[in-house]
mmCIF file of all heavy atoms, coordinates in Angstrom:
data_MODEL
# 
_entry.id   MODEL 
# 
loop_
_atom_site.group_PDB 
_atom_site.id 
_atom_site.type_symbol 
_atom_site.label_atom_id 
_atom_site.label_alt_id 
_atom_site.label_comp_id 
_atom_site.label_asym_id 
_atom_site.label_entity_id 
_atom_site.label_seq_id 
_atom_site.pdbx_PDB_ins_code 
_atom_site.Cartn_x 
_atom_site.Cartn_y 
_atom_site.Cartn_z 
_atom_site.occupancy 
_atom_site.B_iso_or_equiv 
_atom_site.pdbx_formal_charge 
_atom_site.auth_seq_id 
_atom_site.auth_comp_id 
_atom_site.auth_asym_id 
_atom_site.auth_atom_id 
_atom_site.pdbx_PDB_model_num 
ATOM 1   N N   . ASP A 1 1  ? 1.349   5.797   9.937   1.00 0.00 ? 1  ASP A N   1 
ATOM 2   C CA  . ASP A 1 1  ? 2.146   6.096   11.180  1.00 0.00 ? 1  ASP A CA  1 
ATOM 3   C C   . ASP A 1 1  ? 2.759   7.415   10.967  1.00 0.00 ? 1  ASP A C   1 
ATOM 4   O O   . ASP A 1 1  ? 3.807   7.591   10.386  1.00 0.00 ? 1  ASP A O   1 
ATOM 5   C CB  . ASP A 1 1  ? 3.215   5.014   11.454  1.00 0.00 ? 1  ASP A CB  1 
ATOM 6   C CG  . ASP A 1 1  ? 3.777   5.195   12.784  1.00 0.00 ? 1  ASP A CG  1 
ATOM 7   O OD1 . ASP A 1 1  ? 3.868   6.316   13.318  1.00 0.00 ? 1  ASP A OD1 1 
ATOM 8   O OD2 . ASP A 1 1  ? 4.363   4.136   13.313  1.00 0.00 ? 1  ASP A OD2 1 
ATOM 9   N N   . ASN A 1 2  ? 2.098   8.465   11.383  1.00 0.00 ? 2  ASN A N   1 
ATOM 10  C CA  . ASN A 1 2  ? 2.629   9.838   11.165  1.00 0.00 ? 2  ASN A CA  1 
ATOM 11  C C   . ASN A 1 2  ? 3.883   10.068  11.869  1.00 0.00 ? 2  ASN A C   1 
ATOM 12  O O   . ASN A 1 2  ? 4.716   10.888  11.406  1.00 0.00 ? 2  ASN A O   1 
ATOM 13  C CB  . ASN A 1 2  ? 1.519   10.782  11.524  1.00 0.00 ? 2  ASN A CB  1 
ATOM 14  C CG  . ASN A 1 2  ? 0.296   10.797  10.643  1.00 0.00 ? 2  ASN A CG  1 
ATOM 15  O OD1 . ASN A 1 2  ? 0.500   10.469  9.535   1.00 0.00 ? 2  ASN A OD1 1 
ATOM 16  N ND2 . ASN A 1 2  ? -0.800  11.153  11.211  1.00 0.00 ? 2  ASN A ND2 1 
ATOM 17  N N   . ALA A 1 3  ? 4.151   9.484   12.991  1.00 0.00 ? 3  ALA A N   1 
ATOM 18  C CA  . ALA A 1 3  ? 5.372   9.573   13.677  1.00 0.00 ? 3  ALA A CA  1 
ATOM 19  C C   . ALA A 1 3  ? 6.604   9.087   12.856  1.00 0.00 ? 3  ALA A C   1 
ATOM 20  O O   . ALA A 1 3  ? 7.620   9.606   13.002  1.00 0.00 ? 3  ALA A O   1 
ATOM 21  C CB  . ALA A 1 3  ? 5.343   8.907   15.093  1.00 0.00 ? 3  ALA A CB  1 
ATOM 22  N N   . LYS A 1 4  ? 6.295   8.087   12.093  1.00 0.00 ? 4  LYS A N   1 
ATOM 23  C CA  . LYS A 1 4  ? 7.375   7.542   11.237  1.00 0.00 ? 4  LYS A CA  1 
ATOM 24  C C   . LYS A 1 4  ? 7.290   7.933   9.883   1.00 0.00 ? 4  LYS A C   1 
ATOM 25  O O   . LYS A 1 4  ? 8.002   7.579   8.962   1.00 0.00 ? 4  LYS A O   1 
ATOM 26  C CB  . LYS A 1 4  ? 7.223   6.009   11.259  1.00 0.00 ? 4  LYS A CB  1 
ATOM 27  C CG  . LYS A 1 4  ? 7.563   5.376   12.607  1.00 0.00 ? 4  LYS A CG  1 
ATOM 28  C CD  . LYS A 1 4  ? 7.517   3.824   12.508  1.00 0.00 ? 4  LYS A CD  1 
ATOM 29  C CE  . LYS A 1 4  ? 7.863   3.270   13.950  1.00 0.00 ? 4  LYS A CE  1 
ATOM 30  N NZ  . LYS A 1 4  ? 7.857   1.793   13.831  1.00 0.00 ? 4  LYS A NZ  1 
ATOM 31  N N   . ASN A 1 5  ? 6.292   8.863   9.556   1.00 0.00 ? 5  ASN A N   1 
ATOM 32  C CA  . ASN A 1 5  ? 6.106   9.394   8.164   1.00 0.00 ? 5  ASN A CA  1 
ATOM 33  C C   . ASN A 1 5  ? 5.959   8.268   7.148   1.00 0.00 ? 5  ASN A C   1 
ATOM 34  O O   . ASN A 1 5  ? 6.645   8.283   6.047   1.00 0.00 ? 5  ASN A O   1 
ATOM 35  C CB  . ASN A 1 5  ? 7.233   10.337  7.774   1.00 0.00 ? 5  ASN A CB  1 
ATOM 36  C CG  . ASN A 1 5  ? 7.073   11.721  8.189   1.00 0.00 ? 5  ASN A CG  1 
ATOM 37  O OD1 . ASN A 1 5  ? 6.053   12.179  8.777   1.00 0.00 ? 5  ASN A OD1 1 
ATOM 38  N ND2 . ASN A 1 5  ? 8.050   12.572  8.013   1.00 0.00 ? 5  ASN A ND2 1 
ATOM 39  N N   . THR A 1 6  ? 5.082   7.247   7.569   1.00 0.00 ? 6  THR A N   1 
ATOM 40  C CA  . THR A 1 6  ? 5.060   6.090   6.654   1.00 0.00 ? 6  THR A CA  1 
ATOM 41  C C   . THR A 1 6  ? 3.586   5.674   6.496   1.00 0.00 ? 6  THR A C   1 
ATOM 42  O O   . THR A 1 6  ? 2.799   5.690   7.415   1.00 0.00 ? 6  THR A O   1 
ATOM 43  C CB  . THR A 1 6  ? 5.874   4.916   7.334   1.00 0.00 ? 6  THR A CB  1 
ATOM 44  O OG1 . THR A 1 6  ? 7.210   5.351   7.478   1.00 0.00 ? 6  THR A OG1 1 
ATOM 45  C CG2 . THR A 1 6  ? 5.764   3.700   6.396   1.00 0.00 ? 6  THR A CG2 1 
ATOM 46  N N   . LEU A 1 7  ? 3.255   5.321   5.304   1.00 0.00 ? 7  LEU A N   1 
ATOM 47  C CA  . LEU A 1 7  ? 2.005   4.746   4.894   1.00 0.00 ? 7  LEU A CA  1 
ATOM 48  C C   . LEU A 1 7  ? 2.219   3.263   4.634   1.00 0.00 ? 7  LEU A C   1 
ATOM 49  O O   . LEU A 1 7  ? 3.243   2.868   3.983   1.00 0.00 ? 7  LEU A O   1 
ATOM 50  C CB  . LEU A 1 7  ? 1.458   5.427   3.607   1.00 0.00 ? 7  LEU A CB  1 
ATOM 51  C CG  . LEU A 1 7  ? 0.133   5.062   3.106   1.00 0.00 ? 7  LEU A CG  1 
ATOM 52  C CD1 . LEU A 1 7  ? -1.011  5.607   4.072   1.00 0.00 ? 7  LEU A CD1 1 
ATOM 53  C CD2 . LEU A 1 7  ? -0.043  5.681   1.654   1.00 0.00 ? 7  LEU A CD2 1 
ATOM 54  N N   . TYR A 1 8  ? 1.186   2.469   5.077   1.00 0.00 ? 8  TYR A N   1 
ATOM 55  C CA  . TYR A 1 8  ? 1.346   1.004   4.813   1.00 0.00 ? 8  TYR A CA  1 
ATOM 56  C C   . TYR A 1 8  ? 0.075   0.361   4.107   1.00 0.00 ? 8  TYR A C   1 
ATOM 57  O O   . TYR A 1 8  ? -0.973  0.936   4.083   1.00 0.00 ? 8  TYR A O   1 
ATOM 58  C CB  . TYR A 1 8  ? 1.393   0.286   6.217   1.00 0.00 ? 8  TYR A CB  1 
ATOM 59  C CG  . TYR A 1 8  ? 2.545   0.712   7.089   1.00 0.00 ? 8  TYR A CG  1 
ATOM 60  C CD1 . TYR A 1 8  ? 2.421   1.594   8.136   1.00 0.00 ? 8  TYR A CD1 1 
ATOM 61  C CD2 . TYR A 1 8  ? 3.846   0.149   6.957   1.00 0.00 ? 8  TYR A CD2 1 
ATOM 62  C CE1 . TYR A 1 8  ? 3.475   2.065   8.889   1.00 0.00 ? 8  TYR A CE1 1 
ATOM 63  C CE2 . TYR A 1 8  ? 4.879   0.538   7.702   1.00 0.00 ? 8  TYR A CE2 1 
ATOM 64  C CZ  . TYR A 1 8  ? 4.728   1.386   8.716   1.00 0.00 ? 8  TYR A CZ  1 
ATOM 65  O OH  . TYR A 1 8  ? 5.750   1.739   9.467   1.00 0.00 ? 8  TYR A OH  1 
ATOM 66  N N   . LEU A 1 9  ? 0.260   -0.736  3.484   1.00 0.00 ? 9  LEU A N   1 
ATOM 67  C CA  . LEU A 1 9  ? -0.745  -1.508  2.957   1.00 0.00 ? 9  LEU A CA  1 
ATOM 68  C C   . LEU A 1 9  ? -0.536  -3.026  3.229   1.00 0.00 ? 9  LEU A C   1 
ATOM 69  O O   . LEU A 1 9  ? 0.364   -3.585  2.700   1.00 0.00 ? 9  LEU A O   1 
ATOM 70  C CB  . LEU A 1 9  ? -0.875  -1.407  1.412   1.00 0.00 ? 9  LEU A CB  1 
ATOM 71  C CG  . LEU A 1 9  ? -2.123  -2.074  0.811   1.00 0.00 ? 9  LEU A CG  1 
ATOM 72  C CD1 . LEU A 1 9  ? -3.335  -1.355  1.283   1.00 0.00 ? 9  LEU A CD1 1 
ATOM 73  C CD2 . LEU A 1 9  ? -2.044  -2.037  -0.699  1.00 0.00 ? 9  LEU A CD2 1 
ATOM 74  N N   . GLN A 1 10 ? -1.300  -3.453  4.216   1.00 0.00 ? 10 GLN A N   1 
ATOM 75  C CA  . GLN A 1 10 ? -1.211  -4.936  4.603   1.00 0.00 ? 10 GLN A CA  1 
ATOM 76  C C   . GLN A 1 10 ? -2.201  -5.696  3.583   1.00 0.00 ? 10 GLN A C   1 
ATOM 77  O O   . GLN A 1 10 ? -3.307  -5.396  3.523   1.00 0.00 ? 10 GLN A O   1 
ATOM 78  C CB  . GLN A 1 10 ? -1.606  -5.054  6.026   1.00 0.00 ? 10 GLN A CB  1 
ATOM 79  C CG  . GLN A 1 10 ? -1.587  -6.543  6.551   1.00 0.00 ? 10 GLN A CG  1 
ATOM 80  C CD  . GLN A 1 10 ? -0.262  -7.144  6.484   1.00 0.00 ? 10 GLN A CD  1 
ATOM 81  O OE1 . GLN A 1 10 ? 0.706   -6.590  6.941   1.00 0.00 ? 10 GLN A OE1 1 
ATOM 82  N NE2 . GLN A 1 10 ? -0.151  -8.448  5.997   1.00 0.00 ? 10 GLN A NE2 1 
ATOM 83  N N   . MET A 1 11 ? -1.479  -6.605  2.886   1.00 0.00 ? 11 MET A N   1 
ATOM 84  C CA  . MET A 1 11 ? -2.326  -7.375  1.926   1.00 0.00 ? 11 MET A CA  1 
ATOM 85  C C   . MET A 1 11 ? -2.305  -8.904  2.342   1.00 0.00 ? 11 MET A C   1 
ATOM 86  O O   . MET A 1 11 ? -1.218  -9.482  2.429   1.00 0.00 ? 11 MET A O   1 
ATOM 87  C CB  . MET A 1 11 ? -1.704  -7.192  0.597   1.00 0.00 ? 11 MET A CB  1 
ATOM 88  C CG  . MET A 1 11 ? -1.518  -5.777  0.122   1.00 0.00 ? 11 MET A CG  1 
ATOM 89  S SD  . MET A 1 11 ? -0.913  -5.608  -1.609  1.00 0.00 ? 11 MET A SD  1 
ATOM 90  C CE  . MET A 1 11 ? 0.691   -6.236  -1.440  1.00 0.00 ? 11 MET A CE  1 
ATOM 91  N N   . ASN A 1 12 ? -3.560  -9.424  2.688   1.00 0.00 ? 12 ASN A N   1 
ATOM 92  C CA  . ASN A 1 12 ? -3.661  -10.739 3.124   1.00 0.00 ? 12 ASN A CA  1 
ATOM 93  C C   . ASN A 1 12 ? -4.443  -11.540 2.065   1.00 0.00 ? 12 ASN A C   1 
ATOM 94  O O   . ASN A 1 12 ? -5.185  -10.933 1.228   1.00 0.00 ? 12 ASN A O   1 
ATOM 95  C CB  . ASN A 1 12 ? -4.312  -10.883 4.460   1.00 0.00 ? 12 ASN A CB  1 
ATOM 96  C CG  . ASN A 1 12 ? -3.526  -10.171 5.533   1.00 0.00 ? 12 ASN A CG  1 
ATOM 97  O OD1 . ASN A 1 12 ? -2.302  -10.163 5.633   1.00 0.00 ? 12 ASN A OD1 1 
ATOM 98  N ND2 . ASN A 1 12 ? -4.145  -9.580  6.503   1.00 0.00 ? 12 ASN A ND2 1 
ATOM 99  N N   . ASN A 1 13 ? -4.343  -12.839 2.146   1.00 0.00 ? 13 ASN A N   1 
ATOM 100 C CA  . ASN A 1 13 ? -5.184  -13.705 1.161   1.00 0.00 ? 13 ASN A CA  1 
ATOM 101 C C   . ASN A 1 13 ? -4.974  -13.205 -0.288  1.00 0.00 ? 13 ASN A C   1 
ATOM 102 O O   . ASN A 1 13 ? -5.965  -13.080 -0.972  1.00 0.00 ? 13 ASN A O   1 
ATOM 103 C CB  . ASN A 1 13 ? -6.554  -13.746 1.539   1.00 0.00 ? 13 ASN A CB  1 
ATOM 104 C CG  . ASN A 1 13 ? -7.360  -14.889 0.852   1.00 0.00 ? 13 ASN A CG  1 
ATOM 105 O OD1 . ASN A 1 13 ? -6.859  -15.779 0.298   1.00 0.00 ? 13 ASN A OD1 1 
ATOM 106 N ND2 . ASN A 1 13 ? -8.717  -14.671 0.818   1.00 0.00 ? 13 ASN A ND2 1 
ATOM 107 N N   . LEU A 1 14 ? -3.781  -13.081 -0.655  1.00 0.00 ? 14 LEU A N   1 
ATOM 108 C CA  . LEU A 1 14 ? -3.556  -12.468 -2.035  1.00 0.00 ? 14 LEU A CA  1 
ATOM 109 C C   . LEU A 1 14 ? -3.981  -13.527 -3.094  1.00 0.00 ? 14 LEU A C   1 
ATOM 110 O O   . LEU A 1 14 ? -3.908  -14.748 -2.936  1.00 0.00 ? 14 LEU A O   1 
ATOM 111 C CB  . LEU A 1 14 ? -2.085  -12.118 -2.203  1.00 0.00 ? 14 LEU A CB  1 
ATOM 112 C CG  . LEU A 1 14 ? -1.618  -10.859 -1.541  1.00 0.00 ? 14 LEU A CG  1 
ATOM 113 C CD1 . LEU A 1 14 ? -0.154  -10.814 -1.222  1.00 0.00 ? 14 LEU A CD1 1 
ATOM 114 C CD2 . LEU A 1 14 ? -2.095  -9.608  -2.360  1.00 0.00 ? 14 LEU A CD2 1 
ATOM 115 N N   . LYS A 1 15 ? -4.394  -12.889 -4.136  1.00 0.00 ? 15 LYS A N   1 
ATOM 116 C CA  . LYS A 1 15 ? -4.877  -13.630 -5.324  1.00 0.00 ? 15 LYS A CA  1 
ATOM 117 C C   . LYS A 1 15 ? -4.095  -13.277 -6.577  1.00 0.00 ? 15 LYS A C   1 
ATOM 118 O O   . LYS A 1 15 ? -3.504  -12.137 -6.647  1.00 0.00 ? 15 LYS A O   1 
ATOM 119 C CB  . LYS A 1 15 ? -6.402  -13.283 -5.529  1.00 0.00 ? 15 LYS A CB  1 
ATOM 120 C CG  . LYS A 1 15 ? -7.324  -13.602 -4.343  1.00 0.00 ? 15 LYS A CG  1 
ATOM 121 C CD  . LYS A 1 15 ? -8.713  -13.103 -4.669  1.00 0.00 ? 15 LYS A CD  1 
ATOM 122 C CE  . LYS A 1 15 ? -9.593  -13.386 -3.445  1.00 0.00 ? 15 LYS A CE  1 
ATOM 123 N NZ  . LYS A 1 15 ? -11.065 -12.893 -3.659  1.00 0.00 ? 15 LYS A NZ  1 
ATOM 124 N N   . PRO A 1 16 ? -4.047  -14.141 -7.532  1.00 0.00 ? 16 PRO A N   1 
ATOM 125 C CA  . PRO A 1 16 ? -3.359  -13.847 -8.770  1.00 0.00 ? 16 PRO A CA  1 
ATOM 126 C C   . PRO A 1 16 ? -3.777  -12.512 -9.371  1.00 0.00 ? 16 PRO A C   1 
ATOM 127 O O   . PRO A 1 16 ? -2.893  -11.832 -9.962  1.00 0.00 ? 16 PRO A O   1 
ATOM 128 C CB  . PRO A 1 16 ? -3.619  -15.111 -9.651  1.00 0.00 ? 16 PRO A CB  1 
ATOM 129 C CG  . PRO A 1 16 ? -3.818  -16.162 -8.717  1.00 0.00 ? 16 PRO A CG  1 
ATOM 130 C CD  . PRO A 1 16 ? -4.548  -15.629 -7.528  1.00 0.00 ? 16 PRO A CD  1 
ATOM 131 N N   . GLU A 1 17 ? -5.037  -12.209 -9.232  1.00 0.00 ? 17 GLU A N   1 
ATOM 132 C CA  . GLU A 1 17 ? -5.568  -10.967 -9.854  1.00 0.00 ? 17 GLU A CA  1 
ATOM 133 C C   . GLU A 1 17 ? -5.077  -9.721  -9.147  1.00 0.00 ? 17 GLU A C   1 
ATOM 134 O O   . GLU A 1 17 ? -5.347  -8.620  -9.548  1.00 0.00 ? 17 GLU A O   1 
ATOM 135 C CB  . GLU A 1 17 ? -7.035  -11.030 -9.910  1.00 0.00 ? 17 GLU A CB  1 
ATOM 136 C CG  . GLU A 1 17 ? -7.797  -11.325 -8.702  1.00 0.00 ? 17 GLU A CG  1 
ATOM 137 C CD  . GLU A 1 17 ? -8.211  -12.768 -8.587  1.00 0.00 ? 17 GLU A CD  1 
ATOM 138 O OE1 . GLU A 1 17 ? -7.355  -13.647 -9.008  1.00 0.00 ? 17 GLU A OE1 1 
ATOM 139 O OE2 . GLU A 1 17 ? -9.370  -13.099 -8.130  1.00 0.00 ? 17 GLU A OE2 1 
ATOM 140 N N   . ASP A 1 18 ? -4.442  -9.847  -8.004  1.00 0.00 ? 18 ASP A N   1 
ATOM 141 C CA  . ASP A 1 18 ? -3.846  -8.700  -7.290  1.00 0.00 ? 18 ASP A CA  1 
ATOM 142 C C   . ASP A 1 18 ? -2.410  -8.356  -7.855  1.00 0.00 ? 18 ASP A C   1 
ATOM 143 O O   . ASP A 1 18 ? -1.842  -7.331  -7.474  1.00 0.00 ? 18 ASP A O   1 
ATOM 144 C CB  . ASP A 1 18 ? -3.657  -9.092  -5.818  1.00 0.00 ? 18 ASP A CB  1 
ATOM 145 C CG  . ASP A 1 18 ? -4.928  -9.206  -5.121  1.00 0.00 ? 18 ASP A CG  1 
ATOM 146 O OD1 . ASP A 1 18 ? -5.864  -8.452  -5.380  1.00 0.00 ? 18 ASP A OD1 1 
ATOM 147 O OD2 . ASP A 1 18 ? -5.100  -10.121 -4.298  1.00 0.00 ? 18 ASP A OD2 1 
ATOM 148 N N   . THR A 1 19 ? -1.943  -9.144  -8.830  1.00 0.00 ? 19 THR A N   1 
ATOM 149 C CA  . THR A 1 19 ? -0.639  -8.854  -9.489  1.00 0.00 ? 19 THR A CA  1 
ATOM 150 C C   . THR A 1 19 ? -0.733  -7.570  -10.185 1.00 0.00 ? 19 THR A C   1 
ATOM 151 O O   . THR A 1 19 ? -1.565  -7.342  -11.044 1.00 0.00 ? 19 THR A O   1 
ATOM 152 C CB  . THR A 1 19 ? -0.316  -10.044 -10.456 1.00 0.00 ? 19 THR A CB  1 
ATOM 153 O OG1 . THR A 1 19 ? -0.091  -11.117 -9.796  1.00 0.00 ? 19 THR A OG1 1 
ATOM 154 C CG2 . THR A 1 19 ? 0.934   -9.685  -11.223 1.00 0.00 ? 19 THR A CG2 1 
ATOM 155 N N   . ALA A 1 20 ? 0.286   -6.742  -9.772  1.00 0.00 ? 20 ALA A N   1 
ATOM 156 C CA  . ALA A 1 20 ? 0.256   -5.326  -10.423 1.00 0.00 ? 20 ALA A CA  1 
ATOM 157 C C   . ALA A 1 20 ? 1.432   -4.595  -9.847  1.00 0.00 ? 20 ALA A C   1 
ATOM 158 O O   . ALA A 1 20 ? 2.164   -4.995  -8.915  1.00 0.00 ? 20 ALA A O   1 
ATOM 159 C CB  . ALA A 1 20 ? -1.017  -4.590  -9.977  1.00 0.00 ? 20 ALA A CB  1 
ATOM 160 N N   . VAL A 1 21 ? 1.717   -3.437  -10.384 1.00 0.00 ? 21 VAL A N   1 
ATOM 161 C CA  . VAL A 1 21 ? 2.656   -2.421  -9.827  1.00 0.00 ? 21 VAL A CA  1 
ATOM 162 C C   . VAL A 1 21 ? 1.751   -1.586  -8.867  1.00 0.00 ? 21 VAL A C   1 
ATOM 163 O O   . VAL A 1 21 ? 0.770   -0.958  -9.341  1.00 0.00 ? 21 VAL A O   1 
ATOM 164 C CB  . VAL A 1 21 ? 3.327   -1.595  -10.820 1.00 0.00 ? 21 VAL A CB  1 
ATOM 165 C CG1 . VAL A 1 21 ? 4.280   -0.605  -10.129 1.00 0.00 ? 21 VAL A CG1 1 
ATOM 166 C CG2 . VAL A 1 21 ? 4.220   -2.535  -11.798 1.00 0.00 ? 21 VAL A CG2 1 
ATOM 167 N N   . TYR A 1 22 ? 2.229   -1.477  -7.610  1.00 0.00 ? 22 TYR A N   1 
ATOM 168 C CA  . TYR A 1 22 ? 1.486   -0.741  -6.576  1.00 0.00 ? 22 TYR A CA  1 
ATOM 169 C C   . TYR A 1 22 ? 2.297   0.628   -6.397  1.00 0.00 ? 22 TYR A C   1 
ATOM 170 O O   . TYR A 1 22 ? 3.420   0.579   -6.204  1.00 0.00 ? 22 TYR A O   1 
ATOM 171 C CB  . TYR A 1 22 ? 1.346   -1.531  -5.258  1.00 0.00 ? 22 TYR A CB  1 
ATOM 172 C CG  . TYR A 1 22 ? 0.366   -2.600  -5.431  1.00 0.00 ? 22 TYR A CG  1 
ATOM 173 C CD1 . TYR A 1 22 ? 0.608   -3.777  -6.128  1.00 0.00 ? 22 TYR A CD1 1 
ATOM 174 C CD2 . TYR A 1 22 ? -0.832  -2.497  -4.718  1.00 0.00 ? 22 TYR A CD2 1 
ATOM 175 C CE1 . TYR A 1 22 ? -0.392  -4.772  -6.174  1.00 0.00 ? 22 TYR A CE1 1 
ATOM 176 C CE2 . TYR A 1 22 ? -1.826  -3.491  -4.747  1.00 0.00 ? 22 TYR A CE2 1 
ATOM 177 C CZ  . TYR A 1 22 ? -1.561  -4.590  -5.511  1.00 0.00 ? 22 TYR A CZ  1 
ATOM 178 O OH  . TYR A 1 22 ? -2.493  -5.599  -5.677  1.00 0.00 ? 22 TYR A OH  1 
ATOM 179 N N   . PHE A 1 23 ? 1.355   1.767   -6.334  1.00 0.00 ? 23 PHE A N   1 
ATOM 180 C CA  . PHE A 1 23 ? 1.971   3.088   -6.322  1.00 0.00 ? 23 PHE A CA  1 
ATOM 181 C C   . PHE A 1 23 ? 1.367   3.662   -5.021  1.00 0.00 ? 23 PHE A C   1 
ATOM 182 O O   . PHE A 1 23 ? 0.119   3.655   -4.747  1.00 0.00 ? 23 PHE A O   1 
ATOM 183 C CB  . PHE A 1 23 ? 1.561   3.899   -7.440  1.00 0.00 ? 23 PHE A CB  1 
ATOM 184 C CG  . PHE A 1 23 ? 2.140   3.440   -8.808  1.00 0.00 ? 23 PHE A CG  1 
ATOM 185 C CD1 . PHE A 1 23 ? 1.347   2.487   -9.542  1.00 0.00 ? 23 PHE A CD1 1 
ATOM 186 C CD2 . PHE A 1 23 ? 3.386   3.882   -9.253  1.00 0.00 ? 23 PHE A CD2 1 
ATOM 187 C CE1 . PHE A 1 23 ? 1.935   1.991   -10.722 1.00 0.00 ? 23 PHE A CE1 1 
ATOM 188 C CE2 . PHE A 1 23 ? 3.889   3.454   -10.359 1.00 0.00 ? 23 PHE A CE2 1 
ATOM 189 C CZ  . PHE A 1 23 ? 3.193   2.520   -11.237 1.00 0.00 ? 23 PHE A CZ  1 
ATOM 190 N N   . CYS A 1 24 ? 2.228   4.356   -4.257  1.00 0.00 ? 24 CYS A N   1 
ATOM 191 C CA  . CYS A 1 24 ? 1.875   5.159   -3.203  1.00 0.00 ? 24 CYS A CA  1 
ATOM 192 C C   . CYS A 1 24 ? 1.519   6.566   -3.668  1.00 0.00 ? 24 CYS A C   1 
ATOM 193 O O   . CYS A 1 24 ? 2.151   7.072   -4.564  1.00 0.00 ? 24 CYS A O   1 
ATOM 194 C CB  . CYS A 1 24 ? 3.030   5.295   -2.100  1.00 0.00 ? 24 CYS A CB  1 
ATOM 195 S SG  . CYS A 1 24 ? 2.815   6.261   -0.698  1.00 0.00 ? 24 CYS A SG  1 
ATOM 196 N N   . ASN A 1 25 ? 0.592   7.302   -2.988  1.00 0.00 ? 25 ASN A N   1 
ATOM 197 C CA  . ASN A 1 25 ? 0.087   8.591   -3.444  1.00 0.00 ? 25 ASN A CA  1 
ATOM 198 C C   . ASN A 1 25 ? -0.169  9.407   -2.211  1.00 0.00 ? 25 ASN A C   1 
ATOM 199 O O   . ASN A 1 25 ? -0.698  8.914   -1.230  1.00 0.00 ? 25 ASN A O   1 
ATOM 200 C CB  . ASN A 1 25 ? -1.132  8.396   -4.250  1.00 0.00 ? 25 ASN A CB  1 
ATOM 201 C CG  . ASN A 1 25 ? -1.749  9.745   -4.648  1.00 0.00 ? 25 ASN A CG  1 
ATOM 202 O OD1 . ASN A 1 25 ? -2.621  10.291  -3.939  1.00 0.00 ? 25 ASN A OD1 1 
ATOM 203 N ND2 . ASN A 1 25 ? -1.236  10.421  -5.721  1.00 0.00 ? 25 ASN A ND2 1 
ATOM 204 N N   . ALA A 1 26 ? 0.287   10.661  -2.260  1.00 0.00 ? 26 ALA A N   1 
ATOM 205 C CA  . ALA A 1 26 ? -0.075  11.635  -1.170  1.00 0.00 ? 26 ALA A CA  1 
ATOM 206 C C   . ALA A 1 26 ? -0.747  12.876  -1.768  1.00 0.00 ? 26 ALA A C   1 
ATOM 207 O O   . ALA A 1 26 ? -0.216  13.370  -2.847  1.00 0.00 ? 26 ALA A O   1 
ATOM 208 C CB  . ALA A 1 26 ? 1.183   11.970  -0.496  1.00 0.00 ? 26 ALA A CB  1 
ATOM 209 N N   . ARG A 1 27 ? -1.800  13.375  -1.107  1.00 0.00 ? 27 ARG A N   1 
ATOM 210 C CA  . ARG A 1 27 ? -2.496  14.517  -1.715  1.00 0.00 ? 27 ARG A CA  1 
ATOM 211 C C   . ARG A 1 27 ? -2.708  15.570  -0.683  1.00 0.00 ? 27 ARG A C   1 
ATOM 212 O O   . ARG A 1 27 ? -3.037  15.249  0.494   1.00 0.00 ? 27 ARG A O   1 
ATOM 213 C CB  . ARG A 1 27 ? -3.819  14.041  -2.310  1.00 0.00 ? 27 ARG A CB  1 
ATOM 214 C CG  . ARG A 1 27 ? -3.783  13.259  -3.552  1.00 0.00 ? 27 ARG A CG  1 
ATOM 215 C CD  . ARG A 1 27 ? -5.183  12.784  -3.889  1.00 0.00 ? 27 ARG A CD  1 
ATOM 216 N NE  . ARG A 1 27 ? -5.713  11.721  -2.938  1.00 0.00 ? 27 ARG A NE  1 
ATOM 217 C CZ  . ARG A 1 27 ? -6.710  11.948  -2.062  1.00 0.00 ? 27 ARG A CZ  1 
ATOM 218 N NH1 . ARG A 1 27 ? -7.241  13.136  -2.037  1.00 0.00 ? 27 ARG A NH1 1 
ATOM 219 N NH2 . ARG A 1 27 ? -7.039  10.984  -1.233  1.00 0.00 ? 27 ARG A NH2 1 
ATOM 220 N N   . ARG A 1 28 ? -2.544  16.829  -1.039  1.00 0.00 ? 28 ARG A N   1 
ATOM 221 C CA  . ARG A 1 28 ? -2.827  17.945  -0.113  1.00 0.00 ? 28 ARG A CA  1 
ATOM 222 C C   . ARG A 1 28 ? -3.103  19.152  -1.056  1.00 0.00 ? 28 ARG A C   1 
ATOM 223 O O   . ARG A 1 28 ? -2.234  19.549  -1.751  1.00 0.00 ? 28 ARG A O   1 
ATOM 224 C CB  . ARG A 1 28 ? -1.742  18.277  0.797   1.00 0.00 ? 28 ARG A CB  1 
ATOM 225 C CG  . ARG A 1 28 ? -2.108  19.227  1.821   1.00 0.00 ? 28 ARG A CG  1 
ATOM 226 C CD  . ARG A 1 28 ? -0.915  19.542  2.740   1.00 0.00 ? 28 ARG A CD  1 
ATOM 227 N NE  . ARG A 1 28 ? 0.080   20.338  2.097   1.00 0.00 ? 28 ARG A NE  1 
ATOM 228 C CZ  . ARG A 1 28 ? 1.280   20.660  2.663   1.00 0.00 ? 28 ARG A CZ  1 
ATOM 229 N NH1 . ARG A 1 28 ? 1.584   20.327  3.847   1.00 0.00 ? 28 ARG A NH1 1 
ATOM 230 N NH2 . ARG A 1 28 ? 2.162   21.363  1.922   1.00 0.00 ? 28 ARG A NH2 1 
# 
């Protein structure tokens, strides 16, 4: 949402193997 300057990650049907530290990244 560029108007809110926000990046999202919707995660559904999560599994134990999704366990991790999640990092946001921006590149230009």
